[in-house]
Amino acid sequence: KEREGVSCISRSGRTTNYADSVKGR
């Protein structure tokens, strides 16, 4: 499989992003 983004975070830590498959976990 291709490399996929799991989660990312801003420099301050205030903004985050999660792949749908891992949200809440």
PDB file of all heavy atoms in Angstrom:
ATOM      1  N   LYS A   1       0.832  -1.200   0.000  1.00  0.00           N
ATOM      2  CA  LYS A   1       0.000   0.000   0.000  1.00  0.00           C
ATOM      3  C   LYS A   1       0.871   1.257   0.000  1.00  0.00           C
ATOM      4  O   LYS A   1       2.044   1.220   0.362  1.00  0.00           O
ATOM      5  CB  LYS A   1      -0.921   0.007   1.219  1.00  0.00           C
ATOM      6  CG  LYS A   1      -1.959  -1.097   1.220  1.00  0.00           C
ATOM      7  CD  LYS A   1      -2.942  -0.924   2.354  1.00  0.00           C
ATOM      8  CE  LYS A   1      -4.032  -1.981   2.317  1.00  0.00           C
ATOM      9  NZ  LYS A   1      -5.016  -1.804   3.415  1.00  0.00           N
ATOM     10  N   GLU A   2       0.270   2.357  -0.409  1.00  0.00           N
ATOM     11  CA  GLU A   2       0.972   3.635  -0.398  1.00  0.00           C
ATOM     12  C   GLU A   2       1.060   4.180   1.034  1.00  0.00           C
ATOM     13  O   GLU A   2       0.250   3.839   1.893  1.00  0.00           O
ATOM     14  CB  GLU A   2       0.237   4.644  -1.277  1.00  0.00           C
ATOM     15  CG  GLU A   2       0.276   4.323  -2.755  1.00  0.00           C
ATOM     16  CD  GLU A   2      -0.325   5.425  -3.604  1.00  0.00           C
ATOM     17  OE1 GLU A   2      -0.858   6.390  -3.042  1.00  0.00           O
ATOM     18  OE2 GLU A   2      -0.265   5.318  -4.842  1.00  0.00           O
ATOM     19  N   ARG A   3       2.065   5.034   1.242  1.00  0.00           N
ATOM     20  CA  ARG A   3       2.193   5.686   2.533  1.00  0.00           C
ATOM     21  C   ARG A   3       1.011   6.637   2.739  1.00  0.00           C
ATOM     22  O   ARG A   3       0.660   7.402   1.831  1.00  0.00           O
ATOM     23  CB  ARG A   3       3.511   6.442   2.604  1.00  0.00           C
ATOM     24  CG  ARG A   3       3.874   6.957   3.980  1.00  0.00           C
ATOM     25  CD  ARG A   3       5.301   7.452   4.037  1.00  0.00           C
ATOM     26  NE  ARG A   3       6.265   6.380   3.757  1.00  0.00           N
ATOM     27  CZ  ARG A   3       7.567   6.511   3.920  1.00  0.00           C
ATOM     28  NH1 ARG A   3       8.076   7.670   4.349  1.00  0.00           N
ATOM     29  NH2 ARG A   3       8.376   5.508   3.642  1.00  0.00           N
ATOM     30  N   GLU A   4       0.408   6.586   3.916  1.00  0.00           N
ATOM     31  CA  GLU A   4      -0.748   7.431   4.178  1.00  0.00           C
ATOM     32  C   GLU A   4      -0.553   8.245   5.452  1.00  0.00           C
ATOM     33  O   GLU A   4       0.112   7.801   6.393  1.00  0.00           O
ATOM     34  CB  GLU A   4      -2.025   6.590   4.312  1.00  0.00           C
ATOM     35  CG  GLU A   4      -2.044   5.653   5.498  1.00  0.00           C
ATOM     36  CD  GLU A   4      -3.404   5.005   5.734  1.00  0.00           C
ATOM     37  OE1 GLU A   4      -4.403   5.487   5.204  1.00  0.00           O
ATOM     38  OE2 GLU A   4      -3.443   4.027   6.508  1.00  0.00           O
ATOM     39  N   GLY A   5      -1.141   9.418   5.461  1.00  0.00           N
ATOM     40  CA  GLY A   5      -1.076  10.260   6.641  1.00  0.00           C
ATOM     41  C   GLY A   5      -2.017   9.737   7.720  1.00  0.00           C
ATOM     42  O   GLY A   5      -3.185   9.488   7.457  1.00  0.00           O
ATOM     43  N   VAL A   6      -1.496   9.572   8.909  1.00  0.00           N
ATOM     44  CA  VAL A   6      -2.285   9.132  10.052  1.00  0.00           C
ATOM     45  C   VAL A   6      -2.769  10.339  10.845  1.00  0.00           C
ATOM     46  O   VAL A   6      -3.946  10.471  11.141  1.00  0.00           O
ATOM     47  CB  VAL A   6      -1.456   8.201  10.958  1.00  0.00           C
ATOM     48  CG1 VAL A   6      -2.238   7.841  12.214  1.00  0.00           C
ATOM     49  CG2 VAL A   6      -1.022   6.963  10.195  1.00  0.00           C
ATOM     50  N   SER A   7      -1.836  11.221  11.175  1.00  0.00           N
ATOM     51  CA  SER A   7      -2.178  12.394  11.962  1.00  0.00           C
ATOM     52  C   SER A   7      -1.086  13.431  11.824  1.00  0.00           C
ATOM     53  O   SER A   7       0.093  13.090  11.725  1.00  0.00           O
ATOM     54  CB  SER A   7      -2.352  12.009  13.436  1.00  0.00           C
ATOM     55  OG  SER A   7      -2.741  13.132  14.202  1.00  0.00           O
ATOM     56  N   CYS A   8      -1.482  14.693  11.840  1.00  0.00           N
ATOM     57  CA  CYS A   8      -0.535  15.793  11.746  1.00  0.00           C
ATOM     58  C   CYS A   8      -0.910  16.879  12.758  1.00  0.00           C
ATOM     59  O   CYS A   8      -2.064  16.959  13.188  1.00  0.00           O
ATOM     60  CB  CYS A   8      -0.508  16.378  10.343  1.00  0.00           C
ATOM     61  SG  CYS A   8       0.039  15.201   9.084  1.00  0.00           S
ATOM     62  N   ILE A   9       0.066  17.693  13.109  1.00  0.00           N
ATOM     63  CA  ILE A   9      -0.154  18.702  14.139  1.00  0.00           C
ATOM     64  C   ILE A   9       0.628  19.962  13.796  1.00  0.00           C
ATOM     65  O   ILE A   9       1.718  19.906  13.229  1.00  0.00           O
ATOM     66  CB  ILE A   9       0.253  18.142  15.521  1.00  0.00           C
ATOM     67  CG1 ILE A   9      -0.166  19.067  16.657  1.00  0.00           C
ATOM     68  CG2 ILE A   9       1.748  17.848  15.575  1.00  0.00           C
ATOM     69  CD1 ILE A   9      -0.039  18.408  18.040  1.00  0.00           C
ATOM     70  N   SER A  10       0.032  21.097  14.144  1.00  0.00           N
ATOM     71  CA  SER A  10       0.658  22.382  13.844  1.00  0.00           C
ATOM     72  C   SER A  10       1.840  22.649  14.775  1.00  0.00           C
ATOM     73  O   SER A  10       2.077  21.926  15.731  1.00  0.00           O
ATOM     74  CB  SER A  10      -0.377  23.502  13.996  1.00  0.00           C
ATOM     75  OG  SER A  10      -0.830  23.564  15.348  1.00  0.00           O
ATOM     76  N   ARG A  11       2.560  23.732  14.488  1.00  0.00           N
ATOM     77  CA  ARG A  11       3.737  24.072  15.283  1.00  0.00           C
ATOM     78  C   ARG A  11       3.374  24.345  16.735  1.00  0.00           C
ATOM     79  O   ARG A  11       4.122  23.983  17.652  1.00  0.00           O
ATOM     80  CB  ARG A  11       4.444  25.285  14.673  1.00  0.00           C
ATOM     81  CG  ARG A  11       5.078  25.005  13.328  1.00  0.00           C
ATOM     82  CD  ARG A  11       5.659  26.247  12.718  1.00  0.00           C
ATOM     83  NE  ARG A  11       4.632  27.236  12.417  1.00  0.00           N
ATOM     84  CZ  ARG A  11       4.879  28.435  11.905  1.00  0.00           C
ATOM     85  NH1 ARG A  11       6.119  28.793  11.645  1.00  0.00           N
ATOM     86  NH2 ARG A  11       3.908  29.270  11.638  1.00  0.00           N
ATOM     87  N   SER A  12       2.237  24.956  16.961  1.00  0.00           N
ATOM     88  CA  SER A  12       1.823  25.286  18.328  1.00  0.00           C
ATOM     89  C   SER A  12       1.177  24.121  19.041  1.00  0.00           C
ATOM     90  O   SER A  12       1.076  24.112  20.264  1.00  0.00           O
ATOM     91  CB  SER A  12       0.833  26.457  18.294  1.00  0.00           C
ATOM     92  OG  SER A  12      -0.379  26.043  17.683  1.00  0.00           O
ATOM     93  N   GLY A  13       0.704  23.154  18.253  1.00  0.00           N
ATOM     94  CA  GLY A  13      -0.028  22.033  18.833  1.00  0.00           C
ATOM     95  C   GLY A  13      -1.518  22.265  18.925  1.00  0.00           C
ATOM     96  O   GLY A  13      -2.256  21.370  19.332  1.00  0.00           O
ATOM     97  N   ARG A  14      -1.968  23.450  18.531  1.00  0.00           N
ATOM     98  CA  ARG A  14      -3.390  23.771  18.679  1.00  0.00           C
ATOM     99  C   ARG A  14      -4.250  23.176  17.575  1.00  0.00           C
ATOM    100  O   ARG A  14      -5.450  22.994  17.752  1.00  0.00           O
ATOM    101  CB  ARG A  14      -3.571  25.292  18.717  1.00  0.00           C
ATOM    102  CG  ARG A  14      -3.094  25.929  20.020  1.00  0.00           C
ATOM    103  CD  ARG A  14      -3.574  27.365  20.123  1.00  0.00           C
ATOM    104  NE  ARG A  14      -2.944  28.226  19.136  1.00  0.00           N
ATOM    105  CZ  ARG A  14      -1.850  28.924  19.370  1.00  0.00           C
ATOM    106  NH1 ARG A  14      -1.257  28.847  20.549  1.00  0.00           N
ATOM    107  NH2 ARG A  14      -1.337  29.703  18.436  1.00  0.00           N
ATOM    108  N   THR A  15      -3.660  22.870  16.433  1.00  0.00           N
ATOM    109  CA  THR A  15      -4.414  22.325  15.307  1.00  0.00           C
ATOM    110  C   THR A  15      -3.926  20.925  14.990  1.00  0.00           C
ATOM    111  O   THR A  15      -2.728  20.699  14.829  1.00  0.00           O
ATOM    112  CB  THR A  15      -4.256  23.208  14.065  1.00  0.00           C
ATOM    113  OG1 THR A  15      -4.672  24.536  14.380  1.00  0.00           O
ATOM    114  CG2 THR A  15      -5.102  22.672  12.913  1.00  0.00           C
ATOM    115  N   THR A  16      -4.874  20.003  14.913  1.00  0.00           N
ATOM    116  CA  THR A  16      -4.532  18.620  14.587  1.00  0.00           C
ATOM    117  C   THR A  16      -5.427  18.106  13.462  1.00  0.00           C
ATOM    118  O   THR A  16      -6.488  18.663  13.189  1.00  0.00           O
ATOM    119  CB  THR A  16      -4.698  17.697  15.810  1.00  0.00           C
ATOM    120  OG1 THR A  16      -6.056  17.778  16.268  1.00  0.00           O
ATOM    121  CG2 THR A  16      -3.761  18.101  16.935  1.00  0.00           C
ATOM    122  N   ASN A  17      -4.962  17.051  12.824  1.00  0.00           N
ATOM    123  CA  ASN A  17      -5.729  16.403  11.769  1.00  0.00           C
ATOM    124  C   ASN A  17      -5.547  14.892  11.899  1.00  0.00           C
ATOM    125  O   ASN A  17      -4.442  14.427  12.219  1.00  0.00           O
ATOM    126  CB  ASN A  17      -5.237  16.865  10.393  1.00  0.00           C
ATOM    127  CG  ASN A  17      -6.063  16.274   9.268  1.00  0.00           C
ATOM    128  OD1 ASN A  17      -7.164  16.724   8.996  1.00  0.00           O
ATOM    129  ND2 ASN A  17      -5.541  15.249   8.613  1.00  0.00           N
ATOM    130  N   TYR A  18      -6.622  14.153  11.687  1.00  0.00           N
ATOM    131  CA  TYR A  18      -6.569  12.706  11.781  1.00  0.00           C
ATOM    132  C   TYR A  18      -7.210  12.069  10.561  1.00  0.00           C
ATOM    133  O   TYR A  18      -8.218  12.561  10.042  1.00  0.00           O
ATOM    134  CB  TYR A  18      -7.312  12.217  13.030  1.00  0.00           C
ATOM    135  CG  TYR A  18      -6.677  12.638  14.336  1.00  0.00           C
ATOM    136  CD1 TYR A  18      -7.075  13.807  14.979  1.00  0.00           C
ATOM    137  CD2 TYR A  18      -5.676  11.869  14.917  1.00  0.00           C
ATOM    138  CE1 TYR A  18      -6.491  14.201  16.162  1.00  0.00           C
ATOM    139  CE2 TYR A  18      -5.082  12.254  16.113  1.00  0.00           C
ATOM    140  CZ  TYR A  18      -5.489  13.416  16.726  1.00  0.00           C
ATOM    141  OH  TYR A  18      -4.910  13.809  17.905  1.00  0.00           O
ATOM    142  N   ALA A  19      -6.658  10.955  10.134  1.00  0.00           N
ATOM    143  CA  ALA A  19      -7.319  10.150   9.118  1.00  0.00           C
ATOM    144  C   ALA A  19      -8.621   9.617   9.708  1.00  0.00           C
ATOM    145  O   ALA A  19      -8.703   9.337  10.908  1.00  0.00           O
ATOM    146  CB  ALA A  19      -6.414   8.992   8.697  1.00  0.00           C
ATOM    147  N   ASP A  20      -9.623   9.482   8.865  1.00  0.00           N
ATOM    148  CA  ASP A  20     -10.923   9.008   9.346  1.00  0.00           C
ATOM    149  C   ASP A  20     -10.804   7.658  10.045  1.00  0.00           C
ATOM    150  O   ASP A  20     -11.524   7.387  11.008  1.00  0.00           O
ATOM    151  CB  ASP A  20     -11.912   8.901   8.175  1.00  0.00           C
ATOM    152  CG  ASP A  20     -12.363  10.262   7.669  1.00  0.00           C
ATOM    153  OD1 ASP A  20     -12.204  11.263   8.401  1.00  0.00           O
ATOM    154  OD2 ASP A  20     -12.867  10.312   6.540  1.00  0.00           O
ATOM    155  N   SER A  21      -9.901   6.827   9.573  1.00  0.00           N
ATOM    156  CA  SER A  21      -9.770   5.472  10.100  1.00  0.00           C
ATOM    157  C   SER A  21      -9.238   5.426  11.530  1.00  0.00           C
ATOM    158  O   SER A  21      -9.356   4.400  12.200  1.00  0.00           O
ATOM    159  CB  SER A  21      -8.851   4.643   9.195  1.00  0.00           C
ATOM    160  OG  SER A  21      -7.573   5.249   9.110  1.00  0.00           O
ATOM    161  N   VAL A  22      -8.646   6.528  12.014  1.00  0.00           N
ATOM    162  CA  VAL A  22      -8.074   6.514  13.358  1.00  0.00           C
ATOM    163  C   VAL A  22      -8.722   7.530  14.302  1.00  0.00           C
ATOM    164  O   VAL A  22      -8.369   7.587  15.485  1.00  0.00           O
ATOM    165  CB  VAL A  22      -6.546   6.762  13.324  1.00  0.00           C
ATOM    166  CG1 VAL A  22      -5.867   5.784  12.366  1.00  0.00           C
ATOM    167  CG2 VAL A  22      -6.216   8.194  12.948  1.00  0.00           C
ATOM    168  N   LYS A  23      -9.660   8.318  13.804  1.00  0.00           N
ATOM    169  CA  LYS A  23     -10.307   9.330  14.646  1.00  0.00           C
ATOM    170  C   LYS A  23     -10.964   8.678  15.862  1.00  0.00           C
ATOM    171  O   LYS A  23     -11.626   7.660  15.753  1.00  0.00           O
ATOM    172  CB  LYS A  23     -11.358  10.092  13.838  1.00  0.00           C
ATOM    173  CG  LYS A  23     -10.791  11.172  12.941  1.00  0.00           C
ATOM    174  CD  LYS A  23     -11.896  11.901  12.187  1.00  0.00           C
ATOM    175  CE  LYS A  23     -11.311  12.962  11.265  1.00  0.00           C
ATOM    176  NZ  LYS A  23     -12.358  13.632  10.457  1.00  0.00           N
ATOM    177  N   GLY A  24     -10.739   9.290  17.017  1.00  0.00           N
ATOM    178  CA  GLY A  24     -11.313   8.764  18.242  1.00  0.00           C
ATOM    179  C   GLY A  24     -10.483   7.678  18.896  1.00  0.00           C
ATOM    180  O   GLY A  24     -10.756   7.290  20.041  1.00  0.00           O
ATOM    181  N   ARG A  25      -9.459   7.184  18.186  1.00  0.00           N
ATOM    182  CA  ARG A  25      -8.617   6.119  18.741  1.00  0.00           C
ATOM    183  C   ARG A  25      -7.165   6.579  18.935  1.00  0.00           C
ATOM    184  O   ARG A  25      -6.493   6.134  19.867  1.00  0.00           O
ATOM    185  CB  ARG A  25      -8.627   4.908  17.811  1.00  0.00           C
ATOM    186  CG  ARG A  25     -10.001   4.312  17.597  1.00  0.00           C
ATOM    187  CD  ARG A  25      -9.916   2.979  16.845  1.00  0.00           C
ATOM    188  NE  ARG A  25      -9.370   3.127  15.494  1.00  0.00           N
ATOM    189  CZ  ARG A  25      -8.283   2.496  15.052  1.00  0.00           C
ATOM    190  NH1 ARG A  25      -7.617   1.676  15.859  1.00  0.00           N
ATOM    191  NH2 ARG A  25      -7.857   2.674  13.812  1.00  0.00           N
TER     192      ARG A  25
END
